[in-house]
Every structure is written in structure tokens, then in C-alpha cells.
C-alpha atoms as a PDB file:
ATOM      1  CA  MET A   1       0.000   0.000   0.000  1.00  0.00           C
ATOM      2  CA  GLU A   2       1.378   3.364  -0.955  1.00  0.00           C
ATOM      3  CA  VAL A   3       1.435   6.278   1.442  1.00  0.00           C
ATOM      4  CA  SER A   4      -0.957   8.174  -0.822  1.00  0.00           C
ATOM      5  CA  GLU A   5      -3.551   5.432  -0.264  1.00  0.00           C
ATOM      6  CA  VAL A   6      -3.511   5.718   3.511  1.00  0.00           C
ATOM      7  CA  LYS A   7      -6.433   7.687   4.904  1.00  0.00           C
ATOM      8  CA  LEU A   8      -5.820   9.421   8.177  1.00  0.00           C
ATOM      9  CA  GLU A   9      -8.850   9.472  10.429  1.00  0.00           C
ATOM     10  CA  PRO A  10      -9.445  12.627  12.413  1.00  0.00           C
ATOM     11  CA  SER A  11      -8.783  12.374  16.128  1.00  0.00           C
ATOM     12  CA  GLY A  12      -8.905  14.550  19.189  1.00  0.00           C
ATOM     13  CA  LYS A  13     -10.607  17.891  18.924  1.00  0.00           C
ATOM     14  CA  THR A  14     -10.762  17.635  15.124  1.00  0.00           C
ATOM     15  CA  LEU A  15     -12.820  14.447  15.446  1.00  0.00           C
ATOM     16  CA  ILE A  16     -15.145  16.002  18.023  1.00  0.00           C
ATOM     17  CA  GLN A  17     -15.601  19.122  15.893  1.00  0.00           C
ATOM     18  CA  THR A  18     -16.388  16.987  12.838  1.00  0.00           C
ATOM     19  CA  VAL A  19     -18.992  14.966  14.749  1.00  0.00           C
ATOM     20  CA  VAL A  20     -20.589  18.130  16.146  1.00  0.00           C
ATOM     21  CA  GLU A  21     -20.824  19.716  12.703  1.00  0.00           C
ATOM     22  CA  LEU A  22     -22.236  16.582  11.080  1.00  0.00           C
ATOM     23  CA  THR A  23     -25.067  16.269  13.607  1.00  0.00           C
ATOM     24  CA  GLU A  24     -26.517  19.599  12.438  1.00  0.00           C
ATOM     25  CA  LEU A  25     -27.864  19.999  15.985  1.00  0.00           C
ATOM     26  CA  PRO A  26     -27.155  23.022  18.178  1.00  0.00           C
ATOM     27  CA  GLN A  27     -23.391  22.903  18.594  1.00  0.00           C
ATOM     28  CA  SER A  28     -23.251  24.000  22.228  1.00  0.00           C
ATOM     29  CA  TRP A  29     -25.654  21.201  23.191  1.00  0.00           C
ATOM     30  CA  VAL A  30     -23.734  18.531  21.246  1.00  0.00           C
ATOM     31  CA  TYR A  31     -20.392  19.666  22.699  1.00  0.00           C
ATOM     32  CA  SER A  32     -21.901  19.508  26.183  1.00  0.00           C
ATOM     33  CA  GLU A  33     -23.324  16.009  25.648  1.00  0.00           C
ATOM     34  CA  LEU A  34     -20.093  14.709  24.133  1.00  0.00           C
ATOM     35  CA  ASP A  35     -18.095  16.172  27.026  1.00  0.00           C
ATOM     36  CA  GLN A  36     -20.312  14.309  29.496  1.00  0.00           C
ATOM     37  CA  ILE A  37     -20.115  11.070  27.500  1.00  0.00           C
ATOM     38  CA  LEU A  38     -16.326  11.284  27.262  1.00  0.00           C
ATOM     39  CA  GLU A  39     -15.984  12.122  30.936  1.00  0.00           C
ATOM     40  CA  ARG A  40     -18.052   9.064  31.899  1.00  0.00           C
ATOM     41  CA  SER A  41     -15.906   6.863  29.678  1.00  0.00           C
ATOM     42  CA  GLY A  42     -12.640   8.307  30.996  1.00  0.00           C
ATOM     43  CA  GLN A  43     -11.627   9.595  27.573  1.00  0.00           C
ATOM     44  CA  SER A  44     -10.092  12.946  26.697  1.00  0.00           C
ATOM     45  CA  ALA A  45     -11.463  15.029  23.845  1.00  0.00           C
ATOM     46  CA  ASN A  46      -7.898  16.103  23.092  1.00  0.00           C
ATOM     47  CA  GLN A  47      -6.664  12.589  22.351  1.00  0.00           C
ATOM     48  CA  ILE A  48      -9.715  10.501  21.475  1.00  0.00           C
ATOM     49  CA  THR A  49      -9.667   8.229  18.447  1.00  0.00           C
ATOM     50  CA  LEU A  50     -12.628   7.232  16.333  1.00  0.00           C
ATOM     51  CA  ASP A  51     -12.691   3.746  17.863  1.00  0.00           C
ATOM     52  CA  GLN A  52     -12.617   5.165  21.388  1.00  0.00           C
ATOM     53  CA  LEU A  53     -15.450   7.548  20.514  1.00  0.00           C
ATOM     54  CA  ARG A  54     -17.471   4.641  19.131  1.00  0.00           C
ATOM     55  CA  GLU A  55     -16.941   2.694  22.358  1.00  0.00           C
ATOM     56  CA  ALA A  56     -17.936   5.683  24.497  1.00  0.00           C
ATOM     57  CA  LEU A  57     -21.080   6.260  22.425  1.00  0.00           C
ATOM     58  CA  MET A  58     -22.022   2.563  22.585  1.00  0.00           C
ATOM     59  CA  ALA A  59     -21.691   2.627  26.383  1.00  0.00           C
ATOM     60  CA  TYR A  60     -23.846   5.776  26.437  1.00  0.00           C
ATOM     61  CA  LEU A  61     -26.531   4.095  24.327  1.00  0.00           C
ATOM     62  CA  GLU A  62     -26.460   1.010  26.546  1.00  0.00           C
ATOM     63  CA  ASP A  63     -26.964   3.251  29.596  1.00  0.00           C
ATOM     64  CA  LEU A  64     -29.892   4.964  27.884  1.00  0.00           C
ATOM     65  CA  LYS A  65     -31.421   1.608  27.024  1.00  0.00           C
ATOM     66  CA  THR A  66     -31.042   0.380  30.595  1.00  0.00           C
ATOM     67  CA  ASP A  67     -32.596   3.575  31.954  1.00  0.00           C
ATOM     68  CA  LEU A  68     -35.527   3.355  29.549  1.00  0.00           C
ATOM     69  CA  ILE A  69     -36.206  -0.276  30.400  1.00  0.00           C
ATOM     70  CA  SER A  70     -35.999   0.538  34.102  1.00  0.00           C
ATOM     71  CA  ASP A  71     -38.398   3.477  33.690  1.00  0.00           C
ATOM     72  CA  GLU A  72     -40.848   1.324  31.728  1.00  0.00           C
ATOM     73  CA  SER A  73     -40.873  -1.426  34.343  1.00  0.00           C
ATOM     74  CA  THR A  74     -41.351   1.126  37.136  1.00  0.00           C
ATOM     75  CA  THR A  75     -44.253   2.727  35.272  1.00  0.00           C
ATOM     76  CA  GLU A  76     -45.885  -0.640  34.518  1.00  0.00           C
ATOM     77  CA  SER A  77     -45.578  -1.841  38.126  1.00  0.00           C
ATOM     78  CA  GLY A  78     -47.257   1.344  39.350  1.00  0.00           C
ATOM     79  CA  LEU A  79     -50.400   0.711  37.289  1.00  0.00           C
END
């Protein structure tokens, strides 16, 4: 493989900025959410890789799923 064929993935703050821009959501809100997600996962926005961001987001989604299931079972048991 030639050097010209290697694609460099963005990382760190460039990666975070790219994700924020691509969401097309209010940037301050997305930055805030990503900061919280990264903090919970022990990652740094300055050094995060795409794979680390994926892992952090998957853990976040799993937490959301768990919370939603817990809320649903609490609501159903209260009926």
C-alpha cells in the first residue's frame, strides 16, 4: 500500500468538531453532551480516536437503554 492510499482518520478535537458539525444539531448542546459522554468513559477530547469515541457512544446508548427499560418497568408496576 502506498502512502498516498492511507487515509488518516481525524482524532482529538478535530474528530469532536467533525462529529458536532455533522449532527446539524445546536453545537453548544452537542459539545456539552459529548463532554459528558467522554468524561463518563474516561476519555479525553484532546486525544480521542474514532474507535474510542465509538466505544464511548455505545456505552452511552447502553446506559440509555437500561434507563428506559428501568423506567418502563417502574411505570408498569405502578399501574
